[in-house]
C-alpha atoms as a PDB file:
ATOM      1  CA  MET A   1      -0.502 -13.080  -4.404  1.00  0.00           C
ATOM      2  CA  LYS A   2      -0.527 -11.614  -0.910  1.00  0.00           C
ATOM      3  CA  LYS A   3       2.089 -14.057   0.371  1.00  0.00           C
ATOM      4  CA  VAL A   4       4.373 -13.486  -2.600  1.00  0.00           C
ATOM      5  CA  ILE A   5       4.351  -9.709  -2.538  1.00  0.00           C
ATOM      6  CA  PHE A   6       4.403  -9.174   1.191  1.00  0.00           C
ATOM      7  CA  ALA A   7       7.196 -11.670   1.734  1.00  0.00           C
ATOM      8  CA  ILE A   8       9.355  -8.667   0.838  1.00  0.00           C
ATOM      9  CA  LEU A   9       7.233  -6.116   2.655  1.00  0.00           C
ATOM     10  CA  VAL A  10       6.442  -7.596   6.057  1.00  0.00           C
ATOM     11  CA  ILE A  11       9.492  -7.652   8.303  1.00  0.00           C
ATOM     12  CA  SER A  12       9.901  -9.177  11.771  1.00  0.00           C
ATOM     13  CA  ILE A  13       7.251  -7.801  14.099  1.00  0.00           C
ATOM     14  CA  SER A  14       8.525  -5.920  17.121  1.00  0.00           C
ATOM     15  CA  LEU A  15       6.118  -6.359  20.033  1.00  0.00           C
ATOM     16  CA  LEU A  16       5.563  -3.519  22.447  1.00  0.00           C
ATOM     17  CA  PRO A  17       5.171  -4.174  26.173  1.00  0.00           C
ATOM     18  CA  THR A  18       1.924  -2.227  26.216  1.00  0.00           C
ATOM     19  CA  CYS A  19      -0.277  -0.864  23.479  1.00  0.00           C
ATOM     20  CA  LYS A  20      -3.287   1.437  23.529  1.00  0.00           C
ATOM     21  CA  LYS A  21      -6.397  -0.081  22.005  1.00  0.00           C
ATOM     22  CA  ASN A  22      -8.691   1.725  19.603  1.00  0.00           C
ATOM     23  CA  SER A  23     -12.186   2.365  20.858  1.00  0.00           C
ATOM     24  CA  SER A  24     -13.252   1.872  17.228  1.00  0.00           C
ATOM     25  CA  ILE A  25     -11.507   0.037  14.412  1.00  0.00           C
ATOM     26  CA  ASP A  26     -12.178   3.004  12.116  1.00  0.00           C
ATOM     27  CA  GLU A  27     -10.898   5.536  14.604  1.00  0.00           C
ATOM     28  CA  ALA A  28      -8.037   7.570  13.151  1.00  0.00           C
ATOM     29  CA  PRO A  29      -5.372   8.319  13.654  1.00  0.00           C
ATOM     30  CA  ILE A  30      -2.854   6.704  15.761  1.00  0.00           C
ATOM     31  CA  ALA A  31      -3.946   4.651  18.785  1.00  0.00           C
ATOM     32  CA  LEU A  32      -3.118   1.141  17.609  1.00  0.00           C
ATOM     33  CA  SER A  33      -4.756  -2.150  18.454  1.00  0.00           C
ATOM     34  CA  ASP A  34      -2.791  -5.325  19.131  1.00  0.00           C
ATOM     35  CA  SER A  35      -3.388  -6.463  15.549  1.00  0.00           C
ATOM     36  CA  GLN A  36      -1.494  -3.406  14.285  1.00  0.00           C
ATOM     37  CA  LYS A  37       1.786  -3.912  16.141  1.00  0.00           C
ATOM     38  CA  GLU A  38       3.567  -4.578  12.861  1.00  0.00           C
ATOM     39  CA  LEU A  39       3.009  -0.874  12.123  1.00  0.00           C
ATOM     40  CA  ILE A  40       5.135   0.187  15.112  1.00  0.00           C
ATOM     41  CA  THR A  41       8.898   0.336  15.561  1.00  0.00           C
ATOM     42  CA  ASP A  42      10.939   0.805  18.725  1.00  0.00           C
ATOM     43  CA  ALA A  43      14.546   1.714  19.584  1.00  0.00           C
ATOM     44  CA  TYR A  44      15.730  -1.566  18.038  1.00  0.00           C
ATOM     45  CA  SER A  45      13.894  -1.300  14.714  1.00  0.00           C
ATOM     46  CA  GLY A  46      13.034   1.319  12.138  1.00  0.00           C
ATOM     47  CA  PHE A  47      10.823   1.806   9.093  1.00  0.00           C
ATOM     48  CA  CYS A  48      12.277   2.384   5.641  1.00  0.00           C
ATOM     49  CA  ILE A  49      10.549   5.467   4.192  1.00  0.00           C
ATOM     50  CA  LEU A  50      12.206   5.332   0.753  1.00  0.00           C
ATOM     51  CA  ASP A  51      11.244   2.679  -1.785  1.00  0.00           C
ATOM     52  CA  ASN A  52      14.256   0.676  -3.013  1.00  0.00           C
ATOM     53  CA  LEU A  53      16.600   2.093  -0.381  1.00  0.00           C
ATOM     54  CA  THR A  54      20.081   0.666  -1.000  1.00  0.00           C
ATOM     55  CA  LEU A  55      21.938  -1.347   1.618  1.00  0.00           C
ATOM     56  CA  TRP A  56      25.711  -1.022   1.336  1.00  0.00           C
ATOM     57  CA  ASP A  57      28.683  -3.202   2.191  1.00  0.00           C
ATOM     58  CA  VAL A  58      31.417  -0.877   3.440  1.00  0.00           C
ATOM     59  CA  SER A  59      33.722  -3.510   4.936  1.00  0.00           C
ATOM     60  CA  SER A  60      36.370  -3.062   2.239  1.00  0.00           C
ATOM     61  CA  GLY A  61      36.539   0.702   2.674  1.00  0.00           C
ATOM     62  CA  THR A  62      34.431   1.255  -0.441  1.00  0.00           C
ATOM     63  CA  SER A  63      30.665   1.101  -0.721  1.00  0.00           C
ATOM     64  CA  LYS A  64      29.113  -1.783  -2.667  1.00  0.00           C
ATOM     65  CA  SER A  65      25.386  -2.379  -3.020  1.00  0.00           C
ATOM     66  CA  VAL A  66      24.244  -5.629  -1.387  1.00  0.00           C
ATOM     67  CA  SER A  67      20.453  -5.326  -1.230  1.00  0.00           C
ATOM     68  CA  GLY A  68      17.473  -3.009  -1.460  1.00  0.00           C
ATOM     69  CA  CYS A  69      14.657  -2.189   0.975  1.00  0.00           C
ATOM     70  CA  ILE A  70      10.987  -1.688   0.199  1.00  0.00           C
ATOM     71  CA  LEU A  71       8.912   1.300   1.298  1.00  0.00           C
ATOM     72  CA  GLY A  72       7.437   0.525   4.715  1.00  0.00           C
ATOM     73  CA  GLU A  73       9.829  -2.356   5.401  1.00  0.00           C
ATOM     74  CA  LYS A  74      10.686  -2.873   9.064  1.00  0.00           C
ATOM     75  CA  LEU A  75      14.429  -3.220   9.628  1.00  0.00           C
ATOM     76  CA  ALA A  76      16.245  -4.459  12.721  1.00  0.00           C
ATOM     77  CA  LEU A  77      18.758  -1.897  13.991  1.00  0.00           C
ATOM     78  CA  LEU A  78      22.048  -3.564  14.924  1.00  0.00           C
ATOM     79  CA  GLY A  79      23.404  -0.673  17.010  1.00  0.00           C
ATOM     80  CA  GLN A  80      26.283   0.436  14.791  1.00  0.00           C
ATOM     81  CA  THR A  81      26.758   3.635  12.799  1.00  0.00           C
ATOM     82  CA  THR A  82      29.433   4.882  10.428  1.00  0.00           C
ATOM     83  CA  GLN A  83      30.118   7.546   7.816  1.00  0.00           C
ATOM     84  CA  ILE A  84      31.214   7.250   4.202  1.00  0.00           C
ATOM     85  CA  VAL A  85      31.846   9.717   1.404  1.00  0.00           C
ATOM     86  CA  GLN A  86      29.891   9.147  -1.807  1.00  0.00           C
ATOM     87  CA  ALA A  87      30.274  11.499  -4.779  1.00  0.00           C
ATOM     88  CA  GLY A  88      31.950  13.992  -2.480  1.00  0.00           C
ATOM     89  CA  VAL A  89      29.106  13.936   0.051  1.00  0.00           C
ATOM     90  CA  ARG A  90      29.561  12.606   3.586  1.00  0.00           C
ATOM     91  CA  ARG A  91      26.703  10.312   4.560  1.00  0.00           C
ATOM     92  CA  ASP A  92      25.639   8.865   7.910  1.00  0.00           C
ATOM     93  CA  LEU A  93      24.883   5.147   7.774  1.00  0.00           C
ATOM     94  CA  VAL A  94      23.270   2.709  10.186  1.00  0.00           C
ATOM     95  CA  LEU A  95      23.731  -1.069  10.160  1.00  0.00           C
ATOM     96  CA  VAL A  96      20.434  -2.928   9.653  1.00  0.00           C
ATOM     97  CA  ARG A  97      19.149  -6.442   9.078  1.00  0.00           C
ATOM     98  CA  GLN A  98      16.219  -7.447   6.862  1.00  0.00           C
ATOM     99  CA  SER A  99      13.824 -10.263   7.702  1.00  0.00           C
ATOM    100  CA  SER A 100      15.594 -12.355   5.050  1.00  0.00           C
ATOM    101  CA  GLY A 101      18.763 -12.108   7.140  1.00  0.00           C
ATOM    102  CA  SER A 102      20.548  -9.758   4.741  1.00  0.00           C
ATOM    103  CA  GLU A 103      22.614  -7.118   6.524  1.00  0.00           C
ATOM    104  CA  GLY A 104      23.955  -3.840   5.218  1.00  0.00           C
ATOM    105  CA  TRP A 105      24.464  -0.162   5.884  1.00  0.00           C
ATOM    106  CA  ALA A 106      21.544   2.157   5.093  1.00  0.00           C
ATOM    107  CA  ARG A 107      21.413   5.941   5.027  1.00  0.00           C
ATOM    108  CA  SER A 108      20.179   6.727   8.517  1.00  0.00           C
ATOM    109  CA  GLU A 109      17.832   9.559   7.534  1.00  0.00           C
ATOM    110  CA  TYR A 110      15.644   7.045   5.668  1.00  0.00           C
ATOM    111  CA  VAL A 111      15.310   4.592   8.583  1.00  0.00           C
ATOM    112  CA  ILE A 112      12.996   5.924  11.300  1.00  0.00           C
ATOM    113  CA  PRO A 113      12.979   4.217  14.728  1.00  0.00           C
ATOM    114  CA  ASP A 114      10.389   4.713  17.489  1.00  0.00           C
ATOM    115  CA  SER A 115       7.650   5.431  14.985  1.00  0.00           C
ATOM    116  CA  VAL A 116       4.175   4.500  13.794  1.00  0.00           C
ATOM    117  CA  LEU A 117       3.614   3.818  10.108  1.00  0.00           C
ATOM    118  CA  ALA A 118       0.657   5.761   8.706  1.00  0.00           C
ATOM    119  CA  VAL A 119      -0.686   7.343   5.520  1.00  0.00           C
ATOM    120  CA  ILE A 120      -2.393  10.582   4.492  1.00  0.00           C
ATOM    121  CA  VAL A 121      -6.023   9.880   3.556  1.00  0.00           C
ATOM    122  CA  ASP A 122      -7.139  13.458   2.823  1.00  0.00           C
ATOM    123  CA  ASP A 123      -6.434  15.024  -0.588  1.00  0.00           C
ATOM    124  CA  GLU A 124      -3.465  16.801   0.952  1.00  0.00           C
ATOM    125  CA  ALA A 125      -1.964  17.728   4.311  1.00  0.00           C
ATOM    126  CA  ALA A 126      -0.357  21.055   5.231  1.00  0.00           C
ATOM    127  CA  VAL A 127       3.227  20.836   6.508  1.00  0.00           C
ATOM    128  CA  LEU A 128       3.908  22.760   9.715  1.00  0.00           C
ATOM    129  CA  ALA A 129       7.342  23.888  10.898  1.00  0.00           C
ATOM    130  CA  LYS A 130       6.363  23.360  14.543  1.00  0.00           C
ATOM    131  CA  PRO A 131       3.288  22.348  16.546  1.00  0.00           C
ATOM    132  CA  GLY A 132       0.617  24.992  16.218  1.00  0.00           C
ATOM    133  CA  PRO A 133      -1.839  26.335  13.648  1.00  0.00           C
ATOM    134  CA  GLN A 134       0.284  29.424  12.910  1.00  0.00           C
ATOM    135  CA  ALA A 135       3.330  27.442  11.727  1.00  0.00           C
ATOM    136  CA  ASP A 136       2.154  26.627   8.187  1.00  0.00           C
ATOM    137  CA  THR A 137       5.097  26.368   5.790  1.00  0.00           C
ATOM    138  CA  GLY A 138       3.001  26.544   2.632  1.00  0.00           C
ATOM    139  CA  LEU A 139       4.135  23.054   1.694  1.00  0.00           C
ATOM    140  CA  LEU A 140       1.611  20.268   1.103  1.00  0.00           C
ATOM    141  CA  LEU A 141       1.941  16.492   1.200  1.00  0.00           C
ATOM    142  CA  PRO A 142      -0.374  14.603  -1.173  1.00  0.00           C
ATOM    143  CA  ARG A 143      -2.857  11.840  -0.522  1.00  0.00           C
ATOM    144  CA  MET A 144      -1.296   8.396  -0.023  1.00  0.00           C
ATOM    145  CA  THR A 145       2.015   9.737   1.292  1.00  0.00           C
ATOM    146  CA  ILE A 146       3.464   7.130   3.667  1.00  0.00           C
ATOM    147  CA  LEU A 147       4.467   8.646   7.026  1.00  0.00           C
ATOM    148  CA  ALA A 148       6.641   7.535   9.906  1.00  0.00           C
ATOM    149  CA  ILE A 149       5.048   9.293  12.871  1.00  0.00           C
ATOM    150  CA  HIS A 150       7.408   9.874  15.772  1.00  0.00           C
ATOM    151  CA  LYS A 151       5.737   7.933  18.576  1.00  0.00           C
ATOM    152  CA  ASP A 152       6.062  10.587  21.264  1.00  0.00           C
ATOM    153  CA  SER A 153       3.769  12.842  19.187  1.00  0.00           C
ATOM    154  CA  ALA A 154       1.184  10.197  18.269  1.00  0.00           C
ATOM    155  CA  ALA A 155      -1.339  11.113  20.952  1.00  0.00           C
ATOM    156  CA  THR A 156      -1.003  14.884  20.528  1.00  0.00           C
ATOM    157  CA  ALA A 157      -2.856  17.431  18.400  1.00  0.00           C
ATOM    158  CA  PHE A 158       0.118  17.736  16.028  1.00  0.00           C
ATOM    159  CA  LEU A 159       1.998  14.761  14.635  1.00  0.00           C
ATOM    160  CA  GLN A 160       5.729  14.950  14.098  1.00  0.00           C
ATOM    161  CA  VAL A 161       6.511  12.983  10.947  1.00  0.00           C
ATOM    162  CA  SER A 162       9.243  11.969   8.543  1.00  0.00           C
ATOM    163  CA  CYS A 163       8.471  10.937   4.983  1.00  0.00           C
ATOM    164  CA  VAL A 164       9.499  11.018   1.346  1.00  0.00           C
ATOM    165  CA  GLU A 165       7.158  12.973  -0.929  1.00  0.00           C
ATOM    166  CA  PRO A 166       5.973  10.414  -3.537  1.00  0.00           C
ATOM    167  CA  SER A 167       6.300  12.399  -6.762  1.00  0.00           C
ATOM    168  CA  SER A 168       9.407  14.488  -6.086  1.00  0.00           C
ATOM    169  CA  GLY A 169      11.280  12.044  -3.838  1.00  0.00           C
ATOM    170  CA  LYS A 170      12.047  14.900  -1.449  1.00  0.00           C
ATOM    171  CA  LEU A 171      12.961  13.808   2.068  1.00  0.00           C
ATOM    172  CA  THR A 172      11.098  15.584   4.860  1.00  0.00           C
ATOM    173  CA  ILE A 173      12.337  15.005   8.397  1.00  0.00           C
ATOM    174  CA  GLY A 174      10.697  15.966  11.702  1.00  0.00           C
ATOM    175  CA  VAL A 175       8.000  18.314  10.411  1.00  0.00           C
ATOM    176  CA  TYR A 176       4.470  18.460  11.809  1.00  0.00           C
ATOM    177  CA  LEU A 177       0.971  17.678  10.535  1.00  0.00           C
ATOM    178  CA  ARG A 178      -2.392  18.261  12.158  1.00  0.00           C
ATOM    179  CA  ASN A 179      -3.704  15.119  13.820  1.00  0.00           C
ATOM    180  CA  SER A 180      -6.466  14.579  11.268  1.00  0.00           C
ATOM    181  CA  GLY A 181      -6.703  13.151   7.777  1.00  0.00           C
ATOM    182  CA  VAL A 182      -4.133  10.488   8.692  1.00  0.00           C
ATOM    183  CA  SER A 183      -4.752   6.750   9.105  1.00  0.00           C
ATOM    184  CA  SER A 184      -2.748   3.996  10.759  1.00  0.00           C
ATOM    185  CA  LEU A 185      -5.213   1.255   9.801  1.00  0.00           C
ATOM    186  CA  ILE A 186      -3.436  -1.708   8.211  1.00  0.00           C
ATOM    187  CA  ASP A 187      -5.598  -1.837   5.078  1.00  0.00           C
ATOM    188  CA  ASP A 188      -5.001   1.864   4.382  1.00  0.00           C
ATOM    189  CA  VAL A 189      -1.249   1.774   5.006  1.00  0.00           C
ATOM    190  CA  LYS A 190      -0.429  -1.434   3.159  1.00  0.00           C
ATOM    191  CA  SER A 191      -2.640  -0.748   0.146  1.00  0.00           C
ATOM    192  CA  ALA A 192      -1.017   2.682  -0.181  1.00  0.00           C
ATOM    193  CA  ILE A 193       2.447   1.085  -0.024  1.00  0.00           C
ATOM    194  CA  LEU A 194       1.503  -1.270  -2.863  1.00  0.00           C
ATOM    195  CA  TYR A 195       0.096   1.657  -4.825  1.00  0.00           C
ATOM    196  CA  GLN A 196       3.330   3.632  -4.411  1.00  0.00           C
ATOM    197  CA  ILE A 197       5.438   0.639  -5.455  1.00  0.00           C
ATOM    198  CA  ALA A 198       3.182   0.063  -8.475  1.00  0.00           C
ATOM    199  CA  SER A 199       3.469   3.709  -9.514  1.00  0.00           C
ATOM    200  CA  ARG A 200       7.254   3.285  -9.823  1.00  0.00           C
ATOM    201  CA  THR A 201       7.019  -0.046 -11.645  1.00  0.00           C
ATOM    202  CA  GLU A 202       7.423   0.181 -15.420  1.00  0.00           C
ATOM    203  CA  ASN A 203       6.426  -3.378 -16.333  1.00  0.00           C
ATOM    204  CA  PRO A 204       2.632  -3.246 -16.909  1.00  0.00           C
ATOM    205  CA  LYS A 205       2.009  -6.806 -15.717  1.00  0.00           C
ATOM    206  CA  LYS A 206       3.987  -6.291 -12.511  1.00  0.00           C
ATOM    207  CA  LYS A 207       2.257  -2.954 -11.966  1.00  0.00           C
ATOM    208  CA  ALA A 208      -1.140  -4.628 -12.374  1.00  0.00           C
ATOM    209  CA  ALA A 209      -0.111  -7.415  -9.990  1.00  0.00           C
ATOM    210  CA  PHE A 210       0.745  -4.947  -7.214  1.00  0.00           C
ATOM    211  CA  LEU A 211      -2.517  -3.049  -7.717  1.00  0.00           C
ATOM    212  CA  THR A 212      -4.577  -6.233  -7.881  1.00  0.00           C
ATOM    213  CA  SER A 213      -3.033  -7.410  -4.618  1.00  0.00           C
ATOM    214  CA  ALA A 214      -3.826  -4.058  -3.012  1.00  0.00           C
ATOM    215  CA  LEU A 215      -7.492  -4.475  -3.956  1.00  0.00           C
ATOM    216  CA  SER A 216      -7.897  -8.133  -3.042  1.00  0.00           C
ATOM    217  CA  ASP A 217      -5.761  -8.276   0.102  1.00  0.00           C
ATOM    218  CA  TYR A 218      -6.899  -4.973   1.662  1.00  0.00           C
ATOM    219  CA  PRO A 219     -10.583  -4.584   0.715  1.00  0.00           C
ATOM    220  CA  ARG A 220     -11.315  -2.096   3.520  1.00  0.00           C
ATOM    221  CA  SER A 221      -8.808   0.439   2.232  1.00  0.00           C
ATOM    222  CA  LYS A 222      -9.919   4.037   1.835  1.00  0.00           C
ATOM    223  CA  PHE A 223      -7.966   4.071  -1.436  1.00  0.00           C
ATOM    224  CA  THR A 224      -9.977   1.419  -3.284  1.00  0.00           C
ATOM    225  CA  ALA A 225     -11.272   3.855  -5.910  1.00  0.00           C
ATOM    226  CA  ASP A 226      -7.782   5.309  -6.524  1.00  0.00           C
ATOM    227  CA  ILE A 227      -6.298   1.835  -6.911  1.00  0.00           C
ATOM    228  CA  ARG A 228      -9.031   0.688  -9.301  1.00  0.00           C
ATOM    229  CA  ARG A 229      -8.471   3.731 -11.518  1.00  0.00           C
ATOM    230  CA  ALA A 230      -4.748   2.994 -11.596  1.00  0.00           C
ATOM    231  CA  LEU A 231      -5.448  -0.649 -12.427  1.00  0.00           C
ATOM    232  CA  GLU A 232      -7.781   0.322 -15.262  1.00  0.00           C
ATOM    233  CA  ALA A 233      -5.023   2.536 -16.694  1.00  0.00           C
ATOM    234  CA  THR A 234      -2.802  -0.548 -17.077  1.00  0.00           C
ATOM    235  CA  GLN A 235      -5.500  -2.293 -19.114  1.00  0.00           C
ATOM    236  CA  GLU A 236      -4.821  -2.534 -22.839  1.00  0.00           C
ATOM    237  CA  PRO A 237      -7.900  -1.577 -24.887  1.00  0.00           C
ATOM    238  CA  LEU A 238      -9.863  -4.477 -26.339  1.00  0.00           C
ATOM    239  CA  ALA A 239      -9.316  -5.058 -30.038  1.00  0.00           C
ATOM    240  CA  VAL A 240     -13.078  -5.170 -30.605  1.00  0.00           C
ATOM    241  CA  GLU A 241     -15.622  -3.218 -28.589  1.00  0.00           C
ATOM    242  CA  ILE A 242     -17.996  -5.588 -26.797  1.00  0.00           C
ATOM    243  CA  PRO A 243     -21.681  -4.543 -27.078  1.00  0.00           C
ATOM    244  CA  LYS A 244     -23.393  -4.120 -23.706  1.00  0.00           C
ATOM    245  CA  GLU A 245     -26.782  -3.178 -22.303  1.00  0.00           C
ATOM    246  CA  LYS A 246     -28.159  -2.044 -18.973  1.00  0.00           C
ATOM    247  CA  PHE A 247     -29.262  -4.932 -16.803  1.00  0.00           C
ATOM    248  CA  ALA A 248     -30.304  -4.552 -13.162  1.00  0.00           C
ATOM    249  CA  ALA A 249     -30.473  -7.777 -11.156  1.00  0.00           C
ATOM    250  CA  VAL A 250     -29.293  -9.360  -7.924  1.00  0.00           C
ATOM    251  CA  PHE A 251     -27.284 -12.580  -8.018  1.00  0.00           C
ATOM    252  CA  ILE A 252     -25.509 -14.891  -5.618  1.00  0.00           C
ATOM    253  CA  THR A 253     -22.184 -16.497  -6.458  1.00  0.00           C
ATOM    254  CA  ASN A 254     -22.483 -20.275  -6.820  1.00  0.00           C
ATOM    255  CA  GLU A 255     -18.845 -21.356  -6.483  1.00  0.00           C
ATOM    256  CA  ASP A 256     -15.596 -20.377  -4.791  1.00  0.00           C
ATOM    257  CA  GLY A 257     -12.743 -18.488  -6.408  1.00  0.00           C
ATOM    258  CA  ILE A 258     -14.791 -16.398  -8.847  1.00  0.00           C
ATOM    259  CA  ASN A 259     -12.669 -13.749 -10.540  1.00  0.00           C
ATOM    260  CA  VAL A 260     -14.075 -10.263 -11.010  1.00  0.00           C
ATOM    261  CA  LEU A 261     -12.339  -8.886 -14.131  1.00  0.00           C
ATOM    262  CA  SER A 262     -11.688  -5.338 -15.284  1.00  0.00           C
ATOM    263  CA  VAL A 263     -13.240  -6.072 -18.720  1.00  0.00           C
ATOM    264  CA  PRO A 264     -15.564  -8.840 -19.970  1.00  0.00           C
ATOM    265  CA  ASP A 265     -12.766 -10.899 -21.486  1.00  0.00           C
ATOM    266  CA  GLU A 266     -11.052 -13.856 -19.796  1.00  0.00           C
ATOM    267  CA  THR A 267      -7.674 -13.247 -21.460  1.00  0.00           C
ATOM    268  CA  ALA A 268      -7.526  -9.440 -21.578  1.00  0.00           C
ATOM    269  CA  GLY A 269      -9.197  -8.788 -18.231  1.00  0.00           C
ATOM    270  CA  ILE A 270      -7.233  -8.055 -15.072  1.00  0.00           C
ATOM    271  CA  ILE A 271      -8.453  -9.647 -11.837  1.00  0.00           C
ATOM    272  CA  VAL A 272      -9.937  -6.914  -9.644  1.00  0.00           C
ATOM    273  CA  GLU A 273     -11.074  -9.188  -6.817  1.00  0.00           C
ATOM    274  CA  THR A 274     -11.833 -12.860  -6.162  1.00  0.00           C
ATOM    275  CA  LEU A 275     -15.185 -13.781  -4.589  1.00  0.00           C
ATOM    276  CA  GLN A 276     -16.215 -16.873  -2.651  1.00  0.00           C
ATOM    277  CA  LYS A 277     -19.455 -18.871  -2.845  1.00  0.00           C
ATOM    278  CA  GLY A 278     -22.556 -17.239  -1.372  1.00  0.00           C
ATOM    279  CA  ARG A 279     -21.606 -13.608  -2.042  1.00  0.00           C
ATOM    280  CA  THR A 280     -24.536 -11.378  -3.042  1.00  0.00           C
ATOM    281  CA  VAL A 281     -23.747  -9.083  -5.977  1.00  0.00           C
ATOM    282  CA  GLU A 282     -25.770  -6.545  -7.897  1.00  0.00           C
ATOM    283  CA  SER A 283     -25.442  -6.262 -11.673  1.00  0.00           C
ATOM    284  CA  VAL A 284     -25.903  -2.995 -13.550  1.00  0.00           C
ATOM    285  CA  GLU A 285     -24.956  -4.078 -17.078  1.00  0.00           C
ATOM    286  CA  LYS A 286     -24.401  -7.199 -19.201  1.00  0.00           C
ATOM    287  CA  THR A 287     -23.052  -8.133 -22.588  1.00  0.00           C
ATOM    288  CA  THR A 288     -25.741  -8.376 -25.252  1.00  0.00           C
ATOM    289  CA  GLN A 289     -24.553 -11.795 -26.333  1.00  0.00           C
ATOM    290  CA  SER A 290     -23.183 -14.929 -24.676  1.00  0.00           C
ATOM    291  CA  TYR A 291     -19.563 -16.031 -24.785  1.00  0.00           C
ATOM    292  CA  VAL A 292     -18.049 -19.481 -24.518  1.00  0.00           C
ATOM    293  CA  ILE A 293     -15.398 -20.427 -21.967  1.00  0.00           C
ATOM    294  CA  GLY A 294     -14.508 -24.097 -22.184  1.00  0.00           C
ATOM    295  CA  SER A 295     -17.807 -25.841 -22.804  1.00  0.00           C
ATOM    296  CA  LEU A 296     -19.886 -23.224 -20.971  1.00  0.00           C
ATOM    297  CA  SER A 297     -21.796 -20.347 -22.550  1.00  0.00           C
ATOM    298  CA  ALA A 298     -23.126 -17.228 -20.779  1.00  0.00           C
ATOM    299  CA  PRO A 299     -23.114 -13.444 -20.956  1.00  0.00           C
ATOM    300  CA  TRP A 300     -20.806 -11.351 -18.783  1.00  0.00           C
ATOM    301  CA  TYR A 301     -22.347  -9.200 -16.040  1.00  0.00           C
ATOM    302  CA  ARG A 302     -20.902  -5.956 -14.736  1.00  0.00           C
ATOM    303  CA  ILE A 303     -21.405  -5.692 -10.991  1.00  0.00           C
ATOM    304  CA  LYS A 304     -20.772  -2.987  -8.452  1.00  0.00           C
ATOM    305  CA  ASN A 305     -19.063  -3.410  -5.081  1.00  0.00           C
ATOM    306  CA  PRO A 306     -16.652  -4.635  -6.259  1.00  0.00           C
ATOM    307  CA  GLU A 307     -16.724  -2.926  -9.638  1.00  0.00           C
ATOM    308  CA  GLY A 308     -15.987  -5.372 -12.467  1.00  0.00           C
ATOM    309  CA  TRP A 309     -17.234  -8.191 -14.709  1.00  0.00           C
ATOM    310  CA  ILE A 310     -18.227 -11.788 -13.800  1.00  0.00           C
ATOM    311  CA  PHE A 311     -18.877 -14.626 -16.258  1.00  0.00           C
ATOM    312  CA  GLY A 312     -22.551 -15.552 -15.965  1.00  0.00           C
ATOM    313  CA  VAL A 313     -22.142 -19.257 -15.196  1.00  0.00           C
ATOM    314  CA  ALA A 314     -20.745 -18.313 -11.788  1.00  0.00           C
ATOM    315  CA  LEU A 315     -23.948 -16.474 -10.829  1.00  0.00           C
ATOM    316  CA  SER A 316     -27.386 -17.663  -9.768  1.00  0.00           C
ATOM    317  CA  PRO A 317     -30.511 -15.460  -9.366  1.00  0.00           C
ATOM    318  CA  LYS A 318     -31.218 -14.514  -5.766  1.00  0.00           C
END
């Protein structure tokens, strides 16, 4: 799942000559370790801050769509700019290349060079017109907003950022946020990108696939609870309510590739996470009767951390 989805998300990594290291992996915000270089752009690359940003072919004098870019995608800047008129509006375009090799002209305000990709982890962040506590605009950016932080502000008390507000789609360029409540950790940023893409996906199965990948591929994300709630909302209700009872016990997984499901049903359940052999889990509930999968019969157990249901044959008492 991770390889499939992020084949479109992870673009060619631009290596910096030097890079400050975090003193702690959980230290936020913006001093990046070597493992996070894919979250940095330079003068020759930029981050797309609008999901499904159109790339245009303007060679014939008219604009024709040739491709689309994903939120957070890193694009190579090819050093050319132009202007076109669309629907009576003059737009500035920049020529870019995707990791797939596709080239096209993108609206320059949505491609941010010399930046650090990050995400708001607080419930909201106040937008400032300039650096300083007295410059509050009254505008707020919500949790899980993806930010391109202008690199020259990354080590200061106030971050200069560009972003697109998730719900309204409003473009915000070069405003400031306080240097707190923002994370540049890979699990936080990439899980939030998948969440944002899922929120704009109408197909329930595709939506669930993005959310499931966010949970399984980025387990250290600060947004795990948000993503699980969104995944549960895609779940169709079971035709028959399954009787359950409280059951506290500690188990150990006895095989690899054990699926933790959103409901105790192998066909209706959505995979929340996949566990490997030897993982200790704690159950808090079980079905009151056993169910048969193949030739095996067992109850389902609801566990916590991760939250979900495991078929009993995959568990052994610890």
